[in-house]
PDB file of N, CA and C in Angstrom:
ATOM      1  N   UNK A   1       0.844  -1.170   0.000  1.00  0.00           N
ATOM      2  CA  UNK A   1       0.000   0.000   0.000  1.00  0.00           C
ATOM      3  C   UNK A   1       0.895   1.240   0.000  1.00  0.00           C
ATOM      4  N   UNK A   2       0.624   2.192  -0.868  1.00  0.00           N
ATOM      5  CA  UNK A   2       1.429   3.416  -0.927  1.00  0.00           C
ATOM      6  C   UNK A   2       1.276   4.261   0.334  1.00  0.00           C
ATOM      7  N   UNK A   3       2.309   5.008   0.638  1.00  0.00           N
ATOM      8  CA  UNK A   3       2.285   5.882   1.805  1.00  0.00           C
ATOM      9  C   UNK A   3       1.578   7.187   1.478  1.00  0.00           C
ATOM     10  N   UNK A   4       0.875   7.723   2.477  1.00  0.00           N
ATOM     11  CA  UNK A   4       0.301   9.053   2.272  1.00  0.00           C
ATOM     12  C   UNK A   4       1.384  10.093   2.595  1.00  0.00           C
ATOM     13  N   UNK A   5       1.090  11.342   2.362  1.00  0.00           N
ATOM     14  CA  UNK A   5       2.101  12.390   2.511  1.00  0.00           C
ATOM     15  C   UNK A   5       2.590  12.530   3.961  1.00  0.00           C
ATOM     16  N   UNK A   6       1.716  12.321   4.932  1.00  0.00           N
ATOM     17  CA  UNK A   6       2.114  12.411   6.337  1.00  0.00           C
ATOM     18  C   UNK A   6       3.091  11.285   6.689  1.00  0.00           C
ATOM     19  N   UNK A   7       2.801  10.082   6.228  1.00  0.00           N
ATOM     20  CA  UNK A   7       3.689   8.944   6.486  1.00  0.00           C
ATOM     21  C   UNK A   7       5.043   9.152   5.814  1.00  0.00           C
ATOM     22  N   UNK A   8       5.033   9.628   4.585  1.00  0.00           N
ATOM     23  CA  UNK A   8       6.280   9.887   3.866  1.00  0.00           C
ATOM     24  C   UNK A   8       7.115  10.933   4.591  1.00  0.00           C
ATOM     25  N   UNK A   9       6.468  11.955   5.129  1.00  0.00           N
ATOM     26  CA  UNK A   9       7.174  12.997   5.872  1.00  0.00           C
ATOM     27  C   UNK A   9       7.787  12.435   7.153  1.00  0.00           C
ATOM     28  N   UNK A  10       7.083  11.523   7.817  1.00  0.00           N
ATOM     29  CA  UNK A  10       7.609  10.898   9.036  1.00  0.00           C
ATOM     30  C   UNK A  10       8.844  10.054   8.727  1.00  0.00           C
ATOM     31  N   UNK A  11       8.801   9.327   7.631  1.00  0.00           N
ATOM     32  CA  UNK A  11       9.940   8.498   7.239  1.00  0.00           C
ATOM     33  C   UNK A  11      11.133   9.379   6.883  1.00  0.00           C
ATOM     34  N   UNK A  12      10.889  10.484   6.199  1.00  0.00           N
ATOM     35  CA  UNK A  12      11.947  11.427   5.837  1.00  0.00           C
ATOM     36  C   UNK A  12      12.554  12.039   7.103  1.00  0.00           C
ATOM     37  N   UNK A  13      11.701  12.433   8.058  1.00  0.00           N
ATOM     38  CA  UNK A  13      12.181  13.017   9.310  1.00  0.00           C
ATOM     39  C   UNK A  13      13.020  12.013  10.096  1.00  0.00           C
ATOM     40  N   UNK A  14      12.594  10.755  10.116  1.00  0.00           N
ATOM     41  CA  UNK A  14      13.366   9.719  10.801  1.00  0.00           C
ATOM     42  C   UNK A  14      14.762   9.621  10.197  1.00  0.00           C
ATOM     43  N   UNK A  15      14.844   9.624   8.873  1.00  0.00           N
ATOM     44  CA  UNK A  15      16.138   9.538   8.200  1.00  0.00           C
ATOM     45  C   UNK A  15      17.047  10.699   8.541  1.00  0.00           C
ATOM     46  N   UNK A  16      16.478  11.898   8.574  1.00  0.00           N
ATOM     47  CA  UNK A  16      17.250  13.092   8.937  1.00  0.00           C
ATOM     48  C   UNK A  16      17.764  12.968  10.365  1.00  0.00           C
ATOM     49  N   UNK A  17      16.904  12.526  11.262  1.00  0.00           N
ATOM     50  CA  UNK A  17      17.288  12.364  12.668  1.00  0.00           C
ATOM     51  C   UNK A  17      18.357  11.283  12.831  1.00  0.00           C
ATOM     52  N   UNK A  18      18.203  10.189  12.108  1.00  0.00           N
ATOM     53  CA  UNK A  18      19.187   9.110  12.174  1.00  0.00           C
ATOM     54  C   UNK A  18      20.553   9.622  11.730  1.00  0.00           C
ATOM     55  N   UNK A  19      20.577  10.325  10.626  1.00  0.00           N
ATOM     56  CA  UNK A  19      21.839  10.868  10.121  1.00  0.00           C
ATOM     57  C   UNK A  19      22.474  11.818  11.143  1.00  0.00           C
ATOM     58  N   UNK A  20      21.657  12.699  11.733  1.00  0.00           N
ATOM     59  CA  UNK A  20      22.165  13.643  12.736  1.00  0.00           C
ATOM     60  C   UNK A  20      22.794  12.901  13.920  1.00  0.00           C
ATOM     61  N   UNK A  21      22.066  11.913  14.433  1.00  0.00           N
ATOM     62  CA  UNK A  21      22.564  11.151  15.584  1.00  0.00           C
ATOM     63  C   UNK A  21      23.841  10.391  15.236  1.00  0.00           C
ATOM     64  N   UNK A  22      23.896   9.819  14.039  1.00  0.00           N
ATOM     65  CA  UNK A  22      25.082   9.075  13.605  1.00  0.00           C
ATOM     66  C   UNK A  22      26.275  10.009  13.479  1.00  0.00           C
ATOM     67  N   UNK A  23      26.060  11.149  12.871  1.00  0.00           N
ATOM     68  CA  UNK A  23      27.163  12.086  12.661  1.00  0.00           C
ATOM     69  C   UNK A  23      27.653  12.709  13.968  1.00  0.00           C
ATOM     70  N   UNK A  24      26.750  12.944  14.912  1.00  0.00           N
ATOM     71  CA  UNK A  24      27.152  13.471  16.223  1.00  0.00           C
ATOM     72  C   UNK A  24      28.100  12.506  16.922  1.00  0.00           C
ATOM     73  N   UNK A  25      27.937  11.226  16.640  1.00  0.00           N
ATOM     74  CA  UNK A  25      28.773  10.202  17.261  1.00  0.00           C
ATOM     75  C   UNK A  25      29.987   9.847  16.409  1.00  0.00           C
ATOM     76  N   UNK A  26      30.124  10.542  15.272  1.00  0.00           N
ATOM     77  CA  UNK A  26      31.243  10.327  14.355  1.00  0.00           C
ATOM     78  C   UNK A  26      31.337   8.868  13.899  1.00  0.00           C
ATOM     79  N   UNK A  27      30.163   8.314  13.559  1.00  0.00           N
ATOM     80  CA  UNK A  27      30.081   6.944  13.048  1.00  0.00           C
ATOM     81  C   UNK A  27      29.770   7.022  11.554  1.00  0.00           C
ATOM     82  N   UNK A  28      30.496   6.278  10.767  1.00  0.00           N
ATOM     83  CA  UNK A  28      30.233   6.250   9.330  1.00  0.00           C
ATOM     84  C   UNK A  28      29.003   5.396   9.037  1.00  0.00           C
ATOM     85  N   UNK A  29      28.443   5.589   7.857  1.00  0.00           N
ATOM     86  CA  UNK A  29      27.325   4.742   7.437  1.00  0.00           C
ATOM     87  C   UNK A  29      27.762   3.286   7.398  1.00  0.00           C
ATOM     88  N   UNK A  30      28.974   3.068   6.944  1.00  0.00           N
ATOM     89  CA  UNK A  30      29.502   1.704   6.860  1.00  0.00           C
ATOM     90  C   UNK A  30      29.583   1.061   8.246  1.00  0.00           C
ATOM     91  N   UNK A  31      30.077   1.801   9.229  1.00  0.00           N
ATOM     92  CA  UNK A  31      30.189   1.277  10.594  1.00  0.00           C
ATOM     93  C   UNK A  31      28.808   1.011  11.191  1.00  0.00           C
ATOM     94  N   UNK A  32      27.870   1.931  10.969  1.00  0.00           N
ATOM     95  CA  UNK A  32      26.513   1.741  11.485  1.00  0.00           C
ATOM     96  C   UNK A  32      25.887   0.499  10.860  1.00  0.00           C
ATOM     97  N   UNK A  33      26.073   0.330   9.569  1.00  0.00           N
ATOM     98  CA  UNK A  33      25.544  -0.849   8.885  1.00  0.00           C
ATOM     99  C   UNK A  33      26.106  -2.118   9.507  1.00  0.00           C
ATOM    100  N   UNK A  34      27.382  -2.095   9.805  1.00  0.00           N
ATOM    101  CA  UNK A  34      28.032  -3.252  10.434  1.00  0.00           C
ATOM    102  C   UNK A  34      27.462  -3.513  11.832  1.00  0.00           C
ATOM    103  N   UNK A  35      27.263  -2.451  12.601  1.00  0.00           N
ATOM    104  CA  UNK A  35      26.764  -2.589  13.973  1.00  0.00           C
ATOM    105  C   UNK A  35      25.364  -3.186  14.039  1.00  0.00           C
ATOM    106  N   UNK A  36      24.531  -2.870  13.055  1.00  0.00           N
ATOM    107  CA  UNK A  36      23.135  -3.321  13.082  1.00  0.00           C
ATOM    108  C   UNK A  36      22.849  -4.426  12.069  1.00  0.00           C
ATOM    109  N   UNK A  37      23.908  -4.919  11.436  1.00  0.00           N
ATOM    110  CA  UNK A  37      23.796  -6.026  10.489  1.00  0.00           C
ATOM    111  C   UNK A  37      22.868  -5.687   9.325  1.00  0.00           C
ATOM    112  N   UNK A  38      23.155  -4.538   8.707  1.00  0.00           N
ATOM    113  CA  UNK A  38      22.433  -4.104   7.512  1.00  0.00           C
ATOM    114  C   UNK A  38      23.437  -3.846   6.402  1.00  0.00           C
ATOM    115  N   UNK A  39      22.963  -3.852   5.191  1.00  0.00           N
ATOM    116  CA  UNK A  39      23.767  -3.462   4.048  1.00  0.00           C
ATOM    117  C   UNK A  39      23.939  -1.949   4.096  1.00  0.00           C
ATOM    118  N   UNK A  40      25.108  -1.445   3.714  1.00  0.00           N
ATOM    119  CA  UNK A  40      25.345  -0.004   3.735  1.00  0.00           C
ATOM    120  C   UNK A  40      24.333   0.733   2.859  1.00  0.00           C
ATOM    121  N   UNK A  41      23.940   0.138   1.753  1.00  0.00           N
ATOM    122  CA  UNK A  41      22.948   0.767   0.863  1.00  0.00           C
ATOM    123  C   UNK A  41      21.615   0.944   1.593  1.00  0.00           C
ATOM    124  N   UNK A  42      21.264  -0.001   2.463  1.00  0.00           N
ATOM    125  CA  UNK A  42      20.027   0.111   3.237  1.00  0.00           C
ATOM    126  C   UNK A  42      20.115   1.286   4.193  1.00  0.00           C
ATOM    127  N   UNK A  43      21.250   1.458   4.849  1.00  0.00           N
ATOM    128  CA  UNK A  43      21.441   2.605   5.744  1.00  0.00           C
ATOM    129  C   UNK A  43      21.315   3.899   4.945  1.00  0.00           C
ATOM    130  N   UNK A  44      21.897   3.944   3.761  1.00  0.00           N
ATOM    131  CA  UNK A  44      21.796   5.128   2.911  1.00  0.00           C
ATOM    132  C   UNK A  44      20.341   5.421   2.556  1.00  0.00           C
ATOM    133  N   UNK A  45      19.582   4.393   2.232  1.00  0.00           N
ATOM    134  CA  UNK A  45      18.170   4.565   1.877  1.00  0.00           C
ATOM    135  C   UNK A  45      17.352   5.038   3.076  1.00  0.00           C
ATOM    136  N   UNK A  46      17.662   4.501   4.263  1.00  0.00           N
ATOM    137  CA  UNK A  46      16.949   4.918   5.475  1.00  0.00           C
ATOM    138  C   UNK A  46      17.205   6.405   5.727  1.00  0.00           C
ATOM    139  N   UNK A  47      18.470   6.813   5.672  1.00  0.00           N
ATOM    140  CA  UNK A  47      18.805   8.211   5.923  1.00  0.00           C
ATOM    141  C   UNK A  47      18.200   9.151   4.881  1.00  0.00           C
ATOM    142  N   UNK A  48      18.021   8.661   3.676  1.00  0.00           N
ATOM    143  CA  UNK A  48      17.421   9.477   2.615  1.00  0.00           C
ATOM    144  C   UNK A  48      15.901   9.506   2.712  1.00  0.00           C
ATOM    145  N   UNK A  49      15.338   8.669   3.588  1.00  0.00           N
ATOM    146  CA  UNK A  49      13.888   8.603   3.721  1.00  0.00           C
ATOM    147  C   UNK A  49      13.240   7.864   2.569  1.00  0.00           C
ATOM    148  N   UNK A  50      13.996   6.975   1.944  1.00  0.00           N
ATOM    149  CA  UNK A  50      13.507   6.256   0.766  1.00  0.00           C
ATOM    150  C   UNK A  50      12.943   4.873   1.068  1.00  0.00           C
ATOM    151  N   UNK A  51      12.977   4.468   2.335  1.00  0.00           N
ATOM    152  CA  UNK A  51      12.526   3.119   2.663  1.00  0.00           C
ATOM    153  C   UNK A  51      11.807   3.126   4.012  1.00  0.00           C
ATOM    154  N   UNK A  52      10.733   2.368   4.085  1.00  0.00           N
ATOM    155  CA  UNK A  52       9.980   2.191   5.319  1.00  0.00           C
ATOM    156  C   UNK A  52      10.544   0.959   6.008  1.00  0.00           C
ATOM    157  N   UNK A  53      10.999   1.100   7.246  1.00  0.00           N
ATOM    158  CA  UNK A  53      11.671  -0.011   7.917  1.00  0.00           C
ATOM    159  C   UNK A  53      10.831  -0.574   9.055  1.00  0.00           C
ATOM    160  N   UNK A  54      11.198  -1.753   9.477  1.00  0.00           N
ATOM    161  CA  UNK A  54      10.511  -2.420  10.579  1.00  0.00           C
ATOM    162  C   UNK A  54      10.883  -1.790  11.918  1.00  0.00           C
ATOM    163  N   UNK A  55      10.007  -1.897  12.870  1.00  0.00           N
ATOM    164  CA  UNK A  55      10.266  -1.400  14.215  1.00  0.00           C
ATOM    165  C   UNK A  55      11.499  -2.080  14.805  1.00  0.00           C
ATOM    166  N   UNK A  56      11.696  -3.348  14.526  1.00  0.00           N
ATOM    167  CA  UNK A  56      12.875  -4.052  15.049  1.00  0.00           C
ATOM    168  C   UNK A  56      14.162  -3.424  14.523  1.00  0.00           C
ATOM    169  N   UNK A  57      14.132  -2.926  13.299  1.00  0.00           N
ATOM    170  CA  UNK A  57      15.305  -2.239  12.744  1.00  0.00           C
ATOM    171  C   UNK A  57      15.517  -0.906  13.441  1.00  0.00           C
ATOM    172  N   UNK A  58      14.443  -0.200  13.714  1.00  0.00           N
ATOM    173  CA  UNK A  58      14.544   1.061  14.462  1.00  0.00           C
ATOM    174  C   UNK A  58      15.183   0.802  15.823  1.00  0.00           C
ATOM    175  N   UNK A  59      14.770  -0.241  16.479  1.00  0.00           N
ATOM    176  CA  UNK A  59      15.318  -0.563  17.798  1.00  0.00           C
ATOM    177  C   UNK A  59      16.800  -0.902  17.719  1.00  0.00           C
ATOM    178  N   UNK A  60      17.207  -1.632  16.698  1.00  0.00           N
ATOM    179  CA  UNK A  60      18.628  -1.957  16.521  1.00  0.00           C
ATOM    180  C   UNK A  60      19.444  -0.698  16.254  1.00  0.00           C
ATOM    181  N   UNK A  61      18.915   0.204  15.445  1.00  0.00           N
ATOM    182  CA  UNK A  61      19.605   1.457  15.164  1.00  0.00           C
ATOM    183  C   UNK A  61      19.731   2.305  16.430  1.00  0.00           C
ATOM    184  N   UNK A  62      18.646   2.402  17.172  1.00  0.00           N
ATOM    185  CA  UNK A  62      18.648   3.182  18.421  1.00  0.00           C
ATOM    186  C   UNK A  62      19.685   2.640  19.397  1.00  0.00           C
ATOM    187  N   UNK A  63      19.727   1.324  19.523  1.00  0.00           N
ATOM    188  CA  UNK A  63      20.682   0.699  20.435  1.00  0.00           C
ATOM    189  C   UNK A  63      22.121   0.943  19.975  1.00  0.00           C
ATOM    190  N   UNK A  64      22.378   0.805  18.695  1.00  0.00           N
ATOM    191  CA  UNK A  64      23.728   1.001  18.167  1.00  0.00           C
ATOM    192  C   UNK A  64      24.214   2.430  18.382  1.00  0.00           C
ATOM    193  N   UNK A  65      23.305   3.391  18.307  1.00  0.00           N
ATOM    194  CA  UNK A  65      23.663   4.798  18.484  1.00  0.00           C
ATOM    195  C   UNK A  65      23.537   5.262  19.934  1.00  0.00           C
ATOM    196  N   UNK A  66      22.998   4.414  20.800  1.00  0.00           N
ATOM    197  CA  UNK A  66      22.774   4.780  22.205  1.00  0.00           C
ATOM    198  C   UNK A  66      22.045   6.110  22.313  1.00  0.00           C
ATOM    199  N   UNK A  67      20.959   6.216  21.574  1.00  0.00           N
ATOM    200  CA  UNK A  67      20.174   7.443  21.615  1.00  0.00           C
ATOM    201  C   UNK A  67      18.743   7.126  22.028  1.00  0.00           C
ATOM    202  N   UNK A  68      18.024   8.157  22.348  1.00  0.00           N
ATOM    203  CA  UNK A  68      16.644   7.970  22.786  1.00  0.00           C
ATOM    204  C   UNK A  68      15.717   7.770  21.598  1.00  0.00           C
ATOM    205  N   UNK A  69      14.586   7.185  21.879  1.00  0.00           N
ATOM    206  CA  UNK A  69      13.530   7.021  20.885  1.00  0.00           C
ATOM    207  C   UNK A  69      13.125   8.395  20.350  1.00  0.00           C
ATOM    208  N   UNK A  70      12.979   9.348  21.268  1.00  0.00           N
ATOM    209  CA  UNK A  70      12.554  10.690  20.904  1.00  0.00           C
ATOM    210  C   UNK A  70      13.524  11.354  19.933  1.00  0.00           C
ATOM    211  N   UNK A  71      14.824  11.113  20.126  1.00  0.00           N
ATOM    212  CA  UNK A  71      15.830  11.715  19.248  1.00  0.00           C
ATOM    213  C   UNK A  71      15.644  11.275  17.803  1.00  0.00           C
ATOM    214  N   UNK A  72      15.211  10.032  17.617  1.00  0.00           N
ATOM    215  CA  UNK A  72      15.007   9.519  16.261  1.00  0.00           C
ATOM    216  C   UNK A  72      13.640   9.876  15.705  1.00  0.00           C
ATOM    217  N   UNK A  73      12.651  10.068  16.573  1.00  0.00           N
ATOM    218  CA  UNK A  73      11.290  10.234  16.106  1.00  0.00           C
ATOM    219  C   UNK A  73      10.812  11.683  16.041  1.00  0.00           C
ATOM    220  N   UNK A  74      11.570  12.614  16.609  1.00  0.00           N
ATOM    221  CA  UNK A  74      11.115  14.005  16.594  1.00  0.00           C
ATOM    222  C   UNK A  74      11.081  14.558  15.182  1.00  0.00           C
ATOM    223  N   UNK A  75      10.195  15.516  14.971  1.00  0.00           N
ATOM    224  CA  UNK A  75      10.071  16.134  13.644  1.00  0.00           C
ATOM    225  C   UNK A  75      10.839  17.413  13.583  1.00  0.00           C
TER     226      UNK A  75
END
């Protein structure tokens, strides 16, 4: 099912937040991909807001970055 504009905006915001949190910790996309057992291209797509991911993936990313849920989900 296609995403509506609100859902697409939430996914884009998540990607922006993920990138910010990763860069604050000076972690490369490659290192983050390794930490959460994802392909680097998948991390790139997540940060670009081009892919809708599972909650379990969000939890793995949050744990790898040691950040709060709010930090990743804020708009």
